[in-house]
Amino acid sequence: MLELVKTVKIQGAATQCYVALHPQVKGISGEYFMDSNKAKASYHAQDAELAKKLWDFSLSMNNLP
């Protein structure tokens, strides 16, 4: 079990590191990546109204205008 947790922790930042450092994706912006591959974001991730609600909620939780 401990080995599984260790593997998950190591792989947890793999996609972020890939997108930040790999020359193959240099200059790509505004895309969604999953498992180090470009992917289609979920319906909810593309919902502008839901994004605004989340943004407003986040601001209110941090006492920001």
PDB file of N, CA and C in Angstrom:
ATOM      1  N   MET A   1       0.825  -1.198   0.000  1.00  0.00           N
ATOM      2  CA  MET A   1       0.000   0.000   0.000  1.00  0.00           C
ATOM      3  C   MET A   1       0.870   1.264   0.000  1.00  0.00           C
ATOM      4  N   LEU A   2       1.917   1.272   0.806  1.00  0.00           N
ATOM      5  CA  LEU A   2       2.791   2.432   0.880  1.00  0.00           C
ATOM      6  C   LEU A   2       3.446   2.716  -0.466  1.00  0.00           C
ATOM      7  N   GLU A   3       3.780   1.667  -1.203  1.00  0.00           N
ATOM      8  CA  GLU A   3       4.379   1.845  -2.537  1.00  0.00           C
ATOM      9  C   GLU A   3       3.397   2.518  -3.491  1.00  0.00           C
ATOM     10  N   LEU A   4       2.121   2.155  -3.412  1.00  0.00           N
ATOM     11  CA  LEU A   4       1.095   2.770  -4.247  1.00  0.00           C
ATOM     12  C   LEU A   4       0.981   4.257  -3.947  1.00  0.00           C
ATOM     13  N   VAL A   5       0.969   4.627  -2.686  1.00  0.00           N
ATOM     14  CA  VAL A   5       0.882   6.036  -2.299  1.00  0.00           C
ATOM     15  C   VAL A   5       2.101   6.790  -2.816  1.00  0.00           C
ATOM     16  N   LYS A   6       3.272   6.215  -2.691  1.00  0.00           N
ATOM     17  CA  LYS A   6       4.496   6.850  -3.174  1.00  0.00           C
ATOM     18  C   LYS A   6       4.423   7.084  -4.681  1.00  0.00           C
ATOM     19  N   THR A   7       3.952   6.085  -5.428  1.00  0.00           N
ATOM     20  CA  THR A   7       3.835   6.207  -6.882  1.00  0.00           C
ATOM     21  C   THR A   7       2.847   7.311  -7.254  1.00  0.00           C
ATOM     22  N   VAL A   8       1.729   7.349  -6.575  1.00  0.00           N
ATOM     23  CA  VAL A   8       0.717   8.379  -6.860  1.00  0.00           C
ATOM     24  C   VAL A   8       1.290   9.760  -6.579  1.00  0.00           C
ATOM     25  N   LYS A   9       2.026   9.928  -5.485  1.00  0.00           N
ATOM     26  CA  LYS A   9       2.610  11.227  -5.161  1.00  0.00           C
ATOM     27  C   LYS A   9       3.624  11.650  -6.225  1.00  0.00           C
ATOM     28  N   ILE A  10       4.427  10.723  -6.694  1.00  0.00           N
ATOM     29  CA  ILE A  10       5.428  11.040  -7.720  1.00  0.00           C
ATOM     30  C   ILE A  10       4.743  11.422  -9.019  1.00  0.00           C
ATOM     31  N   GLN A  11       3.712  10.691  -9.395  1.00  0.00           N
ATOM     32  CA  GLN A  11       3.010  10.954 -10.644  1.00  0.00           C
ATOM     33  C   GLN A  11       2.080  12.158 -10.540  1.00  0.00           C
ATOM     34  N   GLY A  12       1.781  12.583  -9.332  1.00  0.00           N
ATOM     35  CA  GLY A  12       0.817  13.653  -9.125  1.00  0.00           C
ATOM     36  C   GLY A  12       1.153  14.949  -9.831  1.00  0.00           C
ATOM     37  N   ALA A  13       2.418  15.282  -9.951  1.00  0.00           N
ATOM     38  CA  ALA A  13       2.822  16.533 -10.589  1.00  0.00           C
ATOM     39  C   ALA A  13       3.409  16.303 -11.978  1.00  0.00           C
ATOM     40  N   ALA A  14       3.323  15.092 -12.482  1.00  0.00           N
ATOM     41  CA  ALA A  14       3.955  14.767 -13.769  1.00  0.00           C
ATOM     42  C   ALA A  14       3.419  15.646 -14.903  1.00  0.00           C
ATOM     43  N   THR A  15       2.118  15.796 -14.981  1.00  0.00           N
ATOM     44  CA  THR A  15       1.541  16.585 -16.082  1.00  0.00           C
ATOM     45  C   THR A  15       1.927  18.053 -15.961  1.00  0.00           C
ATOM     46  N   GLN A  16       1.883  18.607 -14.751  1.00  0.00           N
ATOM     47  CA  GLN A  16       2.262  20.007 -14.556  1.00  0.00           C
ATOM     48  C   GLN A  16       3.721  20.225 -14.941  1.00  0.00           C
ATOM     49  N   CYS A  17       4.577  19.307 -14.546  1.00  0.00           N
ATOM     50  CA  CYS A  17       6.004  19.420 -14.902  1.00  0.00           C
ATOM     51  C   CYS A  17       6.196  19.299 -16.407  1.00  0.00           C
ATOM     52  N   TYR A  18       5.487  18.374 -17.029  1.00  0.00           N
ATOM     53  CA  TYR A  18       5.582  18.191 -18.476  1.00  0.00           C
ATOM     54  C   TYR A  18       5.199  19.478 -19.204  1.00  0.00           C
ATOM     55  N   VAL A  19       4.060  20.035 -18.841  1.00  0.00           N
ATOM     56  CA  VAL A  19       3.577  21.249 -19.511  1.00  0.00           C
ATOM     57  C   VAL A  19       4.515  22.429 -19.260  1.00  0.00           C
ATOM     58  N   ALA A  20       5.086  22.507 -18.080  1.00  0.00           N
ATOM     59  CA  ALA A  20       5.963  23.625 -17.740  1.00  0.00           C
ATOM     60  C   ALA A  20       7.338  23.520 -18.390  1.00  0.00           C
ATOM     61  N   LEU A  21       7.823  22.305 -18.622  1.00  0.00           N
ATOM     62  CA  LEU A  21       9.227  22.141 -19.004  1.00  0.00           C
ATOM     63  C   LEU A  21       9.498  21.512 -20.368  1.00  0.00           C
ATOM     64  N   HIS A  22       8.573  20.753 -20.904  1.00  0.00           N
ATOM     65  CA  HIS A  22       8.869  20.002 -22.125  1.00  0.00           C
ATOM     66  C   HIS A  22       8.832  20.906 -23.357  1.00  0.00           C
ATOM     67  N   PRO A  23       9.870  20.846 -24.190  1.00  0.00           N
ATOM     68  CA  PRO A  23       9.910  21.702 -25.384  1.00  0.00           C
ATOM     69  C   PRO A  23       8.794  21.399 -26.385  1.00  0.00           C
ATOM     70  N   GLN A  24       8.237  20.206 -26.336  1.00  0.00           N
ATOM     71  CA  GLN A  24       7.178  19.825 -27.276  1.00  0.00           C
ATOM     72  C   GLN A  24       5.907  20.662 -27.092  1.00  0.00           C
ATOM     73  N   VAL A  25       5.707  21.205 -25.900  1.00  0.00           N
ATOM     74  CA  VAL A  25       4.505  22.005 -25.651  1.00  0.00           C
ATOM     75  C   VAL A  25       4.818  23.492 -25.457  1.00  0.00           C
ATOM     76  N   LYS A  26       6.021  23.884 -25.795  1.00  0.00           N
ATOM     77  CA  LYS A  26       6.406  25.289 -25.675  1.00  0.00           C
ATOM     78  C   LYS A  26       5.480  26.149 -26.547  1.00  0.00           C
ATOM     79  N   GLY A  27       4.969  27.207 -25.966  1.00  0.00           N
ATOM     80  CA  GLY A  27       4.101  28.123 -26.695  1.00  0.00           C
ATOM     81  C   GLY A  27       2.638  27.732 -26.693  1.00  0.00           C
ATOM     82  N   ILE A  28       2.300  26.562 -26.180  1.00  0.00           N
ATOM     83  CA  ILE A  28       0.896  26.149 -26.106  1.00  0.00           C
ATOM     84  C   ILE A  28       0.295  26.769 -24.854  1.00  0.00           C
ATOM     85  N   SER A  29      -0.839  27.424 -25.017  1.00  0.00           N
ATOM     86  CA  SER A  29      -1.493  28.092 -23.899  1.00  0.00           C
ATOM     87  C   SER A  29      -2.998  27.887 -23.999  1.00  0.00           C
ATOM     88  N   GLY A  30      -3.646  27.840 -22.860  1.00  0.00           N
ATOM     89  CA  GLY A  30      -5.104  27.752 -22.838  1.00  0.00           C
ATOM     90  C   GLY A  30      -5.644  26.368 -23.123  1.00  0.00           C
ATOM     91  N   GLU A  31      -4.810  25.356 -23.082  1.00  0.00           N
ATOM     92  CA  GLU A  31      -5.255  23.988 -23.338  1.00  0.00           C
ATOM     93  C   GLU A  31      -5.343  23.219 -22.030  1.00  0.00           C
ATOM     94  N   TYR A  32      -6.098  22.150 -22.035  1.00  0.00           N
ATOM     95  CA  TYR A  32      -6.244  21.273 -20.878  1.00  0.00           C
ATOM     96  C   TYR A  32      -5.398  20.032 -21.124  1.00  0.00           C
ATOM     97  N   PHE A  33      -4.641  19.633 -20.116  1.00  0.00           N
ATOM     98  CA  PHE A  33      -3.799  18.443 -20.218  1.00  0.00           C
ATOM     99  C   PHE A  33      -4.167  17.459 -19.115  1.00  0.00           C
ATOM    100  N   MET A  34      -4.115  16.174 -19.463  1.00  0.00           N
ATOM    101  CA  MET A  34      -4.356  15.106 -18.510  1.00  0.00           C
ATOM    102  C   MET A  34      -3.401  13.970 -18.836  1.00  0.00           C
ATOM    103  N   ASP A  35      -2.712  13.446 -17.837  1.00  0.00           N
ATOM    104  CA  ASP A  35      -1.728  12.374 -18.030  1.00  0.00           C
ATOM    105  C   ASP A  35      -0.704  12.747 -19.102  1.00  0.00           C
ATOM    106  N   SER A  36      -0.242  13.990 -19.055  1.00  0.00           N
ATOM    107  CA  SER A  36       0.775  14.525 -19.970  1.00  0.00           C
ATOM    108  C   SER A  36       0.345  14.530 -21.430  1.00  0.00           C
ATOM    109  N   ASN A  37      -0.949  14.577 -21.671  1.00  0.00           N
ATOM    110  CA  ASN A  37      -1.483  14.654 -23.035  1.00  0.00           C
ATOM    111  C   ASN A  37      -2.560  15.727 -23.084  1.00  0.00           C
ATOM    112  N   LYS A  38      -2.661  16.383 -24.236  1.00  0.00           N
ATOM    113  CA  LYS A  38      -3.736  17.347 -24.427  1.00  0.00           C
ATOM    114  C   LYS A  38      -5.051  16.576 -24.413  1.00  0.00           C
ATOM    115  N   ALA A  39      -6.040  17.103 -23.708  1.00  0.00           N
ATOM    116  CA  ALA A  39      -7.324  16.418 -23.574  1.00  0.00           C
ATOM    117  C   ALA A  39      -8.455  17.437 -23.621  1.00  0.00           C
ATOM    118  N   LYS A  40      -9.647  16.930 -23.781  1.00  0.00           N
ATOM    119  CA  LYS A  40     -10.831  17.790 -23.773  1.00  0.00           C
ATOM    120  C   LYS A  40     -11.296  17.947 -22.328  1.00  0.00           C
ATOM    121  N   ALA A  41     -11.474  19.179 -21.914  1.00  0.00           N
ATOM    122  CA  ALA A  41     -11.951  19.461 -20.556  1.00  0.00           C
ATOM    123  C   ALA A  41     -13.403  19.007 -20.417  1.00  0.00           C
ATOM    124  N   SER A  42     -13.800  18.695 -19.212  1.00  0.00           N
ATOM    125  CA  SER A  42     -15.171  18.257 -18.961  1.00  0.00           C
ATOM    126  C   SER A  42     -16.166  19.388 -19.253  1.00  0.00           C
ATOM    127  N   TYR A  43     -17.412  19.010 -19.348  1.00  0.00           N
ATOM    128  CA  TYR A  43     -18.482  19.985 -19.573  1.00  0.00           C
ATOM    129  C   TYR A  43     -18.458  21.059 -18.492  1.00  0.00           C
ATOM    130  N   HIS A  44     -18.305  20.644 -17.246  1.00  0.00           N
ATOM    131  CA  HIS A  44     -18.313  21.592 -16.131  1.00  0.00           C
ATOM    132  C   HIS A  44     -17.124  22.551 -16.196  1.00  0.00           C
ATOM    133  N   ALA A  45     -16.004  22.082 -16.667  1.00  0.00           N
ATOM    134  CA  ALA A  45     -14.817  22.940 -16.770  1.00  0.00           C
ATOM    135  C   ALA A  45     -14.989  24.005 -17.846  1.00  0.00           C
ATOM    136  N   GLN A  46     -15.904  23.801 -18.760  1.00  0.00           N
ATOM    137  CA  GLN A  46     -16.145  24.752 -19.848  1.00  0.00           C
ATOM    138  C   GLN A  46     -17.341  25.673 -19.577  1.00  0.00           C
ATOM    139  N   ASP A  47     -17.968  25.525 -18.431  1.00  0.00           N
ATOM    140  CA  ASP A  47     -19.166  26.274 -18.077  1.00  0.00           C
ATOM    141  C   ASP A  47     -18.771  27.649 -17.505  1.00  0.00           C
ATOM    142  N   ALA A  48     -18.926  28.693 -18.301  1.00  0.00           N
ATOM    143  CA  ALA A  48     -18.521  30.045 -17.907  1.00  0.00           C
ATOM    144  C   ALA A  48     -19.320  30.555 -16.704  1.00  0.00           C
ATOM    145  N   GLU A  49     -20.602  30.242 -16.644  1.00  0.00           N
ATOM    146  CA  GLU A  49     -21.436  30.684 -15.519  1.00  0.00           C
ATOM    147  C   GLU A  49     -20.973  30.016 -14.216  1.00  0.00           C
ATOM    148  N   LEU A  50     -20.691  28.737 -14.278  1.00  0.00           N
ATOM    149  CA  LEU A  50     -20.192  28.022 -13.108  1.00  0.00           C
ATOM    150  C   LEU A  50     -18.822  28.557 -12.688  1.00  0.00           C
ATOM    151  N   ALA A  51     -17.975  28.890 -13.653  1.00  0.00           N
ATOM    152  CA  ALA A  51     -16.661  29.462 -13.349  1.00  0.00           C
ATOM    153  C   ALA A  51     -16.805  30.790 -12.616  1.00  0.00           C
ATOM    154  N   LYS A  52     -17.756  31.614 -13.045  1.00  0.00           N
ATOM    155  CA  LYS A  52     -17.975  32.905 -12.373  1.00  0.00           C
ATOM    156  C   LYS A  52     -18.462  32.694 -10.944  1.00  0.00           C
ATOM    157  N   LYS A  53     -19.363  31.731 -10.751  1.00  0.00           N
ATOM    158  CA  LYS A  53     -19.849  31.442  -9.400  1.00  0.00           C
ATOM    159  C   LYS A  53     -18.701  30.984  -8.500  1.00  0.00           C
ATOM    160  N   LEU A  54     -17.848  30.127  -9.022  1.00  0.00           N
ATOM    161  CA  LEU A  54     -16.698  29.654  -8.256  1.00  0.00           C
ATOM    162  C   LEU A  54     -15.752  30.808  -7.932  1.00  0.00           C
ATOM    163  N   TRP A  55     -15.508  31.665  -8.915  1.00  0.00           N
ATOM    164  CA  TRP A  55     -14.633  32.821  -8.707  1.00  0.00           C
ATOM    165  C   TRP A  55     -15.201  33.735  -7.617  1.00  0.00           C
ATOM    166  N   ASP A  56     -16.480  34.058  -7.731  1.00  0.00           N
ATOM    167  CA  ASP A  56     -17.118  34.934  -6.746  1.00  0.00           C
ATOM    168  C   ASP A  56     -17.094  34.297  -5.355  1.00  0.00           C
ATOM    169  N   PHE A  57     -17.358  33.006  -5.274  1.00  0.00           N
ATOM    170  CA  PHE A  57     -17.311  32.305  -3.990  1.00  0.00           C
ATOM    171  C   PHE A  57     -15.903  32.350  -3.404  1.00  0.00           C
ATOM    172  N   SER A  58     -14.894  32.127  -4.244  1.00  0.00           N
ATOM    173  CA  SER A  58     -13.503  32.169  -3.782  1.00  0.00           C
ATOM    174  C   SER A  58     -13.136  33.544  -3.235  1.00  0.00           C
ATOM    175  N   LEU A  59     -13.586  34.578  -3.937  1.00  0.00           N
ATOM    176  CA  LEU A  59     -13.317  35.939  -3.459  1.00  0.00           C
ATOM    177  C   LEU A  59     -13.987  36.175  -2.097  1.00  0.00           C
ATOM    178  N   SER A  60     -15.228  35.733  -1.959  1.00  0.00           N
ATOM    179  CA  SER A  60     -15.942  35.947  -0.702  1.00  0.00           C
ATOM    180  C   SER A  60     -15.298  35.174   0.441  1.00  0.00           C
ATOM    181  N   MET A  61     -14.764  34.002   0.186  1.00  0.00           N
ATOM    182  CA  MET A  61     -14.110  33.195   1.221  1.00  0.00           C
ATOM    183  C   MET A  61     -12.807  33.817   1.672  1.00  0.00           C
ATOM    184  N   ASN A  62     -12.231  34.652   0.833  1.00  0.00           N
ATOM    185  CA  ASN A  62     -10.970  35.316   1.167  1.00  0.00           C
ATOM    186  C   ASN A  62     -11.154  36.790   1.506  1.00  0.00           C
ATOM    187  N   ASN A  63     -12.410  37.189   1.715  1.00  0.00           N
ATOM    188  CA  ASN A  63     -12.735  38.573   2.062  1.00  0.00           C
ATOM    189  C   ASN A  63     -12.177  39.577   1.058  1.00  0.00           C
ATOM    190  N   LEU A  64     -12.306  39.244  -0.224  1.00  0.00           N
ATOM    191  CA  LEU A  64     -11.854  40.146  -1.284  1.00  0.00           C
ATOM    192  C   LEU A  64     -13.078  40.699  -2.028  1.00  0.00           C
ATOM    193  N   PRO A  65     -12.972  41.900  -2.567  1.00  0.00           N
ATOM    194  CA  PRO A  65     -14.125  42.499  -3.265  1.00  0.00           C
ATOM    195  C   PRO A  65     -14.441  41.809  -4.572  1.00  0.00           C
TER     196      PRO A  65
END
